[in-house]
Protein backbone atom coordinates (compact mmCIF):
# COMPACT_ATOMS: atom_id res chain seq x y z
CA MET A 1 70.80 85.39 121.07
CA ALA A 2 73.88 84.93 123.27
CA GLN A 3 75.70 83.62 120.18
CA VAL A 4 74.73 86.76 118.27
CA LEU A 5 75.97 89.06 121.03
CA ASN A 6 79.26 87.16 121.40
CA THR A 7 79.87 87.33 117.65
CA LEU A 8 78.97 91.03 117.54
CA ALA A 9 81.39 91.77 120.38
CA HIS A 10 84.15 89.86 118.58
CA GLU A 11 83.54 91.51 115.20
CA ILE A 12 83.24 95.04 116.52
CA ARG A 13 86.44 94.91 118.58
CA THR A 14 88.90 95.34 115.69
CA PRO A 15 87.30 98.29 113.86
CA LEU A 16 86.67 100.00 117.18
CA ALA A 17 90.32 99.61 118.15
CA VAL A 18 91.42 100.96 114.76
CA SER A 19 89.22 104.04 115.15
CA GLN A 20 90.42 104.69 118.69
CA GLY A 21 94.05 104.22 117.70
CA TYR A 22 94.00 106.72 114.86
CA LEU A 23 92.04 109.26 116.94
CA LYS A 24 94.63 108.97 119.72
CA LEU A 25 97.46 109.51 117.22
CA TYR A 26 95.71 112.62 115.95
CA ALA A 27 94.96 113.93 119.45
CA ASP A 28 98.58 113.37 120.50
CA GLY A 29 99.83 115.39 117.54
CA ARG A 30 101.76 112.46 116.06
CA LEU A 31 100.23 112.84 112.57
CA THR A 32 102.38 115.70 111.41
CA THR A 33 101.79 115.71 107.65
CA PRO A 34 98.62 116.22 105.62
CA ASP A 35 99.16 112.80 103.97
CA ALA A 36 99.38 111.03 107.33
CA GLN A 37 96.29 112.83 108.56
CA GLN A 38 94.39 111.93 105.38
CA ARG A 39 95.35 108.26 105.66
CA ALA A 40 94.27 108.19 109.29
CA LEU A 41 90.96 109.82 108.42
CA GLN A 42 90.35 107.29 105.66
CA GLN A 43 91.18 104.32 107.90
CA THR A 44 88.94 105.68 110.64
CA ARG A 45 86.10 106.23 108.18
CA GLU A 46 86.41 102.65 106.89
CA ALA A 47 86.50 101.21 110.41
CA LEU A 48 83.39 103.17 111.40
CA GLY A 49 81.75 101.94 108.20
CA VAL A 50 82.34 98.35 109.32
CA ILE A 51 80.70 99.13 112.66
CA ALA A 52 77.73 100.69 110.85
CA VAL A 53 77.32 97.53 108.74
CA LEU A 54 77.42 95.39 111.88
CA CYS A 55 74.69 97.52 113.45
CA THR A 56 72.54 97.05 110.33
CA GLU A 57 73.12 93.30 110.39
CA MET A 58 72.24 93.21 114.09
CA GLY A 59 68.91 94.84 113.27
CA LYS A 60 68.20 92.22 110.62
CA VAL A 61 69.09 89.35 112.93
CA SER A 62 66.92 90.79 115.73
CA ALA A 63 63.96 91.17 113.38
CA LEU A 64 64.25 87.56 112.23
CA ALA A 65 64.65 86.27 115.78
CA GLU A 66 61.50 88.08 116.87
CA ALA A 67 59.54 86.86 113.84
CA GLY A 68 59.89 83.19 114.82
CA GLU A 69 58.84 80.67 112.17
CA PRO A 70 56.21 82.29 109.91
CA ALA A 71 53.95 80.35 107.59
CA LEU A 72 55.65 80.03 104.20
CA VAL A 73 52.96 80.71 101.62
CA GLU A 74 54.81 81.83 98.48
CA ARG A 75 56.11 79.30 95.97
CA LEU A 76 59.52 79.80 94.35
CA ASP A 77 60.62 77.69 91.40
CA ALA A 78 63.84 75.81 92.20
CA ALA A 79 65.29 76.80 88.82
CA ALA A 80 64.66 80.46 89.69
CA LEU A 81 66.54 80.00 92.96
CA ALA A 82 69.50 78.49 91.08
CA HIS A 83 69.39 81.34 88.56
CA GLY A 84 69.44 83.89 91.39
CA LEU A 85 72.47 82.24 92.94
CA LYS A 86 74.30 82.20 89.61
CA ALA A 87 73.71 85.95 89.32
CA THR A 88 75.34 86.58 92.70
CA PRO A 89 78.65 88.36 91.92
CA GLU A 90 80.65 86.41 94.52
CA LEU A 91 79.56 83.09 92.98
CA ALA A 92 79.74 84.03 89.30
CA ALA A 93 83.17 82.48 88.72
CA ALA A 94 82.15 79.03 89.96
CA SER A 95 81.30 76.20 87.58
CA TRP A 96 77.68 75.05 87.85
CA ALA A 97 76.00 71.68 87.35
CA GLU A 98 72.21 71.29 87.55
CA ALA A 99 69.95 68.26 87.49
CA LEU A 100 66.47 69.49 88.36
CA PRO A 101 63.04 68.05 87.60
CA THR A 102 60.85 70.02 85.21
CA VAL A 103 58.74 71.34 88.09
CA ALA A 104 60.20 71.77 91.57
CA ARG A 105 59.15 74.47 94.01
CA ILE A 106 60.22 75.81 97.39
CA ALA A 107 58.06 77.46 100.05
CA THR A 108 59.16 80.96 101.07
CA ASN A 109 57.94 84.41 102.05
CA ALA A 110 61.06 86.26 100.96
CA PRO A 111 62.73 84.89 97.80
CA ALA A 112 65.42 87.60 97.77
CA ASP A 113 66.40 86.87 101.39
CA LEU A 114 66.48 83.13 100.67
CA VAL A 115 68.80 83.58 97.68
CA ARG A 116 71.07 85.96 99.59
CA ALA A 117 71.24 83.70 102.66
CA ILE A 118 72.28 80.66 100.63
CA GLY A 119 74.75 82.82 98.70
CA VAL A 120 76.30 84.03 101.97
CA VAL A 121 76.81 80.44 103.17
CA ILE A 122 78.34 79.32 99.85
CA LYS A 123 80.66 82.35 99.71
CA ALA A 124 81.86 81.60 103.26
CA ALA A 125 82.83 78.11 102.09
CA PHE A 126 84.59 79.51 99.03
CA ASP A 127 86.53 81.93 101.25
CA GLU A 128 88.08 78.97 103.08
CA ASP A 129 90.15 78.24 99.96
CA LYS A 130 90.27 81.28 97.68
CA GLY A 131 93.13 79.95 95.58
CA SER A 132 91.25 76.96 94.17
CA PRO A 133 88.50 76.68 91.55
CA HIS A 134 85.02 76.28 92.94
CA ALA A 135 81.98 74.37 91.77
CA VAL A 136 78.28 74.29 92.64
CA ASP A 137 76.08 71.23 92.15
CA VAL A 138 72.29 71.67 92.27
CA SER A 139 70.04 68.62 92.20
CA ALA A 140 66.88 67.09 93.63
CA HIS A 141 67.18 64.30 96.19
CA GLY A 142 63.82 62.84 97.11
CA ASP A 143 61.65 65.60 98.55
CA ALA A 144 64.43 68.19 98.77
CA LEU A 145 66.61 70.44 96.65
CA VAL A 146 70.26 69.86 97.53
CA ILE A 147 72.96 72.42 96.74
CA ARG A 148 76.58 71.35 97.27
CA ALA A 149 79.41 73.81 96.76
CA GLY A 150 83.15 74.02 97.26
CA THR A 151 86.45 72.97 95.76
CA PRO A 152 86.48 69.81 93.60
CA ALA A 153 88.23 67.87 96.37
CA ALA A 154 85.68 69.05 98.93
CA LEU A 155 82.73 68.18 96.72
CA SER A 156 84.02 64.66 96.09
CA ALA A 157 84.07 64.09 99.86
CA LEU A 158 80.88 65.96 100.79
CA SER A 159 77.81 63.80 101.37
CA PRO A 160 74.55 64.81 99.62
CA GLU A 161 72.79 64.39 102.98
CA PRO A 162 73.36 66.31 106.24
CA ASP A 163 73.77 63.05 108.20
CA GLY A 164 76.17 61.42 105.72
CA PRO A 165 79.78 60.32 106.39
CA GLY A 166 81.98 63.13 107.66
CA ALA A 167 79.13 65.67 107.68
CA ALA A 168 79.12 68.39 110.35
CA PRO A 169 76.81 71.38 110.94
CA VAL A 170 77.98 74.66 109.42
CA ASN A 171 79.68 76.92 111.95
CA THR A 172 77.80 80.23 111.70
CA ASP A 173 79.84 82.25 114.19
CA ARG A 174 83.21 82.14 112.42
CA GLY A 175 85.32 85.24 112.93
CA GLY A 176 85.63 87.79 110.16
CA LYS A 177 82.16 87.16 108.74
CA GLY A 178 80.27 89.78 110.70
CA LEU A 179 76.73 88.67 111.47
CA SER A 180 75.93 87.68 107.90
CA LEU A 181 76.33 83.95 108.57
CA ILE A 182 74.16 84.14 111.68
CA TRP A 183 71.52 86.05 109.70
CA ALA A 184 71.71 83.35 107.02
CA ALA A 185 71.25 80.69 109.70
CA PHE A 186 68.05 82.40 110.91
CA VAL A 187 66.72 82.53 107.34
CA ALA A 188 67.60 78.86 106.88
CA GLU A 189 65.82 77.94 110.10
CA GLN A 190 62.67 79.76 108.99
CA HIS A 191 62.73 77.77 105.73
CA ARG A 192 63.44 74.41 107.46
CA ILE A 193 66.80 74.28 105.65
CA GLN A 194 69.68 72.08 106.78
CA MET A 195 73.31 73.13 106.18
CA TRP A 196 76.49 71.10 106.62
CA ASN A 197 80.07 70.75 105.48
CA HIS A 198 82.70 68.01 105.61
CA GLN A 199 84.75 67.82 108.79
CA ALA A 200 87.99 67.56 106.80
CA HIS A 201 87.03 70.03 104.06
CA LYS A 202 85.89 73.40 105.41
CA ALA A 203 85.85 74.76 101.83
CA SER A 204 82.59 72.92 101.29
CA VAL A 205 78.93 73.35 102.13
CA GLY A 206 75.74 71.43 101.58
CA VAL A 207 72.28 73.02 101.70
CA ARG A 208 69.10 70.91 101.84
CA ILE A 209 65.88 72.80 101.06
CA PRO A 210 62.51 71.03 101.37
CA LEU A 211 60.46 70.93 98.16
CA VAL A 212 56.69 71.42 98.31
CA PRO A 213 53.99 69.58 96.36
CA VAL A 214 53.21 71.16 92.98
């Protein structure tokens, strides 16, 4: 939880400073035109909106932390998970490759949260190199579903296993991501999911999700 609090403090500092700055300008009478006052009001509103989102994310993270590791009783088809990720707006422009067995299922209690959490992690990797094309590879490796995503160069270097050459755990407290990555890490932990990227290619991510017997 210390990691969560440190990240929250870091993320909230900028929008709080923006709000305070514009309020001080207004209080000091330095916004002398209606346009300047309107711009300041809009910027303050947006900054406070960021803080409100962080508070909501903090509530979600706290709820997951308190829940521990629940029994996963629902079965989600792996193809349905891939379909949900494809429908995520932030991932829609990526090219997709799938090689799944006819029947492959994942244990979960919250399919929507699982899809969103994996989508958050993939989007964070994409954000590391927004100017390049991105690809997602979905396949079964032994008793797990493995999703690898990133730029073509990153994917060619990224191991299909979390302990492969050059693999490193995903950093979930990167600045500028709010608490969404930390929330995703909690969801991944509850689902016994491993996440990694390549040390030399931050625009990459691998996600290993255990499959359950049919």
